[in-house]
Amino acid sequence: SFSQKLYKEAGGELEDLKMELKELDEGLDREIKDILSLNSVMNAQTKIRIAQSSMESKFARIFERLGVLQQYIKLQTEEDAESIMRSKWNAILQRSEQTFKHISNIKGPYKKTLVDKVAEFQVAV
């Protein structure tokens, strides 16, 4: 039926959101060993900040649709999916904040290395 098709689409959006959260979380996992890994983690931070502006509306849109459709077609699903997803998102935000503080504490040597390499390059060219 049409309502089951809508429910399936909303479930697909929920899976997409789960994957997005997983990718954002994995971006913070990289150990900072050099300027390239630092750049990778900073790019992950940027993606999280961009996602932050739209994440609440994504949650609302998906879970409102699922809630209405669940009542209409009387399907049983995980009732705590929303709280699990919100909890994962909050954990990502907390890790992101911790990572940002860590980057702030260690960025000095990387900045100096980068400035030195740029200076070397300018002399070489």
Foldseek 3Di string as FASTA:
>chain_A
DVLVVLLVVLVVLLVVLVVVLVVLQVQLVQDDDAPVNLVSNVVSLVVLVVCVVCVVVSLCVSVVSNVVSCVVVVDDDPPCSSVVSVVSNVVSVVSSVVSVVVCVVPVVVNVVVVVVVVVVVVVVD
